[in-house]
C-alpha atoms as a PDB file:
ATOM      1  CA  MET A   1      19.813  11.510 -14.216  1.00  0.00           C
ATOM      2  CA  LYS A   2      19.854   8.087 -12.852  1.00  0.00           C
ATOM      3  CA  PRO A   3      16.664   7.546 -10.967  1.00  0.00           C
ATOM      4  CA  ILE A   4      17.059   5.681  -7.317  1.00  0.00           C
ATOM      5  CA  THR A   5      13.989   3.169  -7.215  1.00  0.00           C
ATOM      6  CA  SER A   6      15.183   1.581  -4.145  1.00  0.00           C
ATOM      7  CA  TRP A   7      16.470   2.841  -0.467  1.00  0.00           C
ATOM      8  CA  ALA A   8      19.049   0.000  -0.901  1.00  0.00           C
ATOM      9  CA  GLN A   9      20.541   1.985  -3.944  1.00  0.00           C
ATOM     10  CA  LEU A  10      21.543   4.916  -1.406  1.00  0.00           C
ATOM     11  CA  PRO A  11      25.125   4.591  -0.517  1.00  0.00           C
ATOM     12  CA  ASP A  12      26.807   5.229   2.696  1.00  0.00           C
ATOM     13  CA  PHE A  13      28.097   8.650   2.061  1.00  0.00           C
ATOM     14  CA  GLU A  14      31.969   9.588   3.372  1.00  0.00           C
ATOM     15  CA  ASN A  15      31.192  13.272   3.412  1.00  0.00           C
ATOM     16  CA  ALA A  16      29.006  15.962   2.184  1.00  0.00           C
ATOM     17  CA  ALA A  17      31.133  16.329  -1.078  1.00  0.00           C
ATOM     18  CA  ALA A  18      30.530  12.664  -1.737  1.00  0.00           C
ATOM     19  CA  GLU A  19      26.797  13.409  -1.282  1.00  0.00           C
ATOM     20  CA  ASN A  20      26.602  16.155  -3.207  1.00  0.00           C
ATOM     21  CA  ALA A  21      28.422  14.322  -6.033  1.00  0.00           C
ATOM     22  CA  PHE A  22      26.119  11.604  -6.018  1.00  0.00           C
ATOM     23  CA  TRP A  23      22.866  13.752  -6.214  1.00  0.00           C
ATOM     24  CA  GLN A  24      24.458  15.516  -9.276  1.00  0.00           C
ATOM     25  CA  GLU A  25      23.908  12.318 -11.196  1.00  0.00           C
ATOM     26  CA  HIS A  26      20.973  10.594  -9.267  1.00  0.00           C
ATOM     27  CA  GLU A  27      17.406  11.684  -8.634  1.00  0.00           C
ATOM     28  CA  MET A  28      14.314  10.032  -6.461  1.00  0.00           C
ATOM     29  CA  ASP A  29      12.005   8.014  -8.345  1.00  0.00           C
ATOM     30  CA  PRO A  30       8.655   9.967  -7.312  1.00  0.00           C
ATOM     31  CA  ARG A  31       7.253   6.357  -6.423  1.00  0.00           C
ATOM     32  CA  LEU A  32       9.403   5.454  -4.034  1.00  0.00           C
ATOM     33  CA  MET A  33       9.169   9.103  -2.679  1.00  0.00           C
ATOM     34  CA  ALA A  34       5.299   8.815  -2.516  1.00  0.00           C
ATOM     35  CA  ALA A  35       5.599   5.013  -0.885  1.00  0.00           C
ATOM     36  CA  SER A  36       7.536   6.742   2.136  1.00  0.00           C
ATOM     37  CA  ILE A  37       5.062   9.175   2.890  1.00  0.00           C
ATOM     38  CA  HIS A  38       3.378   7.821   6.224  1.00  0.00           C
ATOM     39  CA  VAL A  39      -0.511   8.852   6.693  1.00  0.00           C
ATOM     40  CA  ALA A  40      -1.296   8.897  10.189  1.00  0.00           C
ATOM     41  CA  ASP A  41      -4.190   6.906  10.805  1.00  0.00           C
ATOM     42  CA  SER A  42      -6.785   8.376  13.383  1.00  0.00           C
ATOM     43  CA  ARG A  43      -6.753   5.027  15.244  1.00  0.00           C
ATOM     44  CA  GLU A  44      -2.967   5.303  15.840  1.00  0.00           C
ATOM     45  CA  SER A  45      -3.117   6.824  19.326  1.00  0.00           C
ATOM     46  CA  THR A  46      -1.813   5.899  22.742  1.00  0.00           C
ATOM     47  CA  THR A  47      -3.786   6.343  25.789  1.00  0.00           C
ATOM     48  CA  ILE A  48      -2.209   7.907  28.772  1.00  0.00           C
ATOM     49  CA  THR A  49      -3.249   8.893  32.444  1.00  0.00           C
ATOM     50  CA  LEU A  50      -2.583  12.604  33.674  1.00  0.00           C
ATOM     51  CA  ARG A  51      -3.343  13.675  37.307  1.00  0.00           C
ATOM     52  CA  PHE A  52      -4.863  16.994  37.517  1.00  0.00           C
ATOM     53  CA  ASP A  53      -5.783  19.156  40.487  1.00  0.00           C
ATOM     54  CA  PRO A  54      -9.902  19.112  40.366  1.00  0.00           C
ATOM     55  CA  ARG A  55      -9.924  22.865  40.684  1.00  0.00           C
ATOM     56  CA  MET A  56      -7.702  22.862  37.256  1.00  0.00           C
ATOM     57  CA  LEU A  57      -9.862  20.539  35.557  1.00  0.00           C
ATOM     58  CA  SER A  58     -12.671  22.238  36.100  1.00  0.00           C
ATOM     59  CA  ARG A  59     -11.452  25.229  35.109  1.00  0.00           C
ATOM     60  CA  ILE A  60     -10.264  23.458  31.771  1.00  0.00           C
ATOM     61  CA  LYS A  61     -13.710  21.846  31.132  1.00  0.00           C
ATOM     62  CA  ARG A  62     -15.349  25.098  31.687  1.00  0.00           C
ATOM     63  CA  ILE A  63     -13.020  26.817  29.076  1.00  0.00           C
ATOM     64  CA  ALA A  64     -14.026  24.057  26.763  1.00  0.00           C
ATOM     65  CA  ARG A  65     -17.687  24.278  27.353  1.00  0.00           C
ATOM     66  CA  SER A  66     -17.395  27.780  26.351  1.00  0.00           C
ATOM     67  CA  ARG A  67     -16.057  26.922  23.127  1.00  0.00           C
ATOM     68  CA  PHE A  68     -18.346  24.092  22.458  1.00  0.00           C
ATOM     69  CA  LEU A  69     -15.217  21.757  22.495  1.00  0.00           C
ATOM     70  CA  ASN A  70     -14.688  18.555  24.375  1.00  0.00           C
ATOM     71  CA  TYR A  71     -12.272  19.365  26.953  1.00  0.00           C
ATOM     72  CA  GLN A  72      -9.781  16.234  26.120  1.00  0.00           C
ATOM     73  CA  SER A  73      -9.678  17.436  22.196  1.00  0.00           C
ATOM     74  CA  MET A  74      -8.929  21.060  23.496  1.00  0.00           C
ATOM     75  CA  MET A  75      -6.072  19.776  25.458  1.00  0.00           C
ATOM     76  CA  LYS A  76      -4.609  17.733  22.462  1.00  0.00           C
ATOM     77  CA  GLN A  77      -5.176  21.209  20.725  1.00  0.00           C
ATOM     78  CA  TRP A  78      -3.357  22.813  22.995  1.00  0.00           C
ATOM     79  CA  LEU A  79      -0.529  20.552  23.392  1.00  0.00           C
ATOM     80  CA  ALA A  80      -0.182  19.946  19.436  1.00  0.00           C
ATOM     81  CA  GLU A  81       0.021  23.898  19.440  1.00  0.00           C
ATOM     82  CA  ARG A  82       2.639  24.037  21.999  1.00  0.00           C
ATOM     83  CA  LEU A  83       4.716  21.251  20.539  1.00  0.00           C
ATOM     84  CA  GLU A  84       4.825  23.142  17.354  1.00  0.00           C
ATOM     85  CA  ASP A  85       6.156  26.046  19.132  1.00  0.00           C
ATOM     86  CA  GLU A  86       8.865  24.206  21.046  1.00  0.00           C
ATOM     87  CA  MET A  87      10.090  22.567  17.689  1.00  0.00           C
ATOM     88  CA  LYS A  88      10.481  26.045  16.025  1.00  0.00           C
ATOM     89  CA  LYS A  89      12.820  26.959  18.781  1.00  0.00           C
ATOM     90  CA  PRO A  90      17.028  26.576  18.007  1.00  0.00           C
END
């Protein structure tokens, strides 16, 4: 097997058969794969503004308090869970 040590070594494949033939003789160098993994930094976030009906926000805060959570963190958790559910749909 010939190792691929640079992304530039990957050709543009004409079709799936050509890609399959290429990978029969080549493999990714583990260091290249490890270098491509992006580790999210907790400081990488964007501030947004959402407008809520005051009663809805009050209910959200009440639920968060009952769970000993910050209401914004709880809302982010809810959104993350819903996003995962949505991504699973075909």
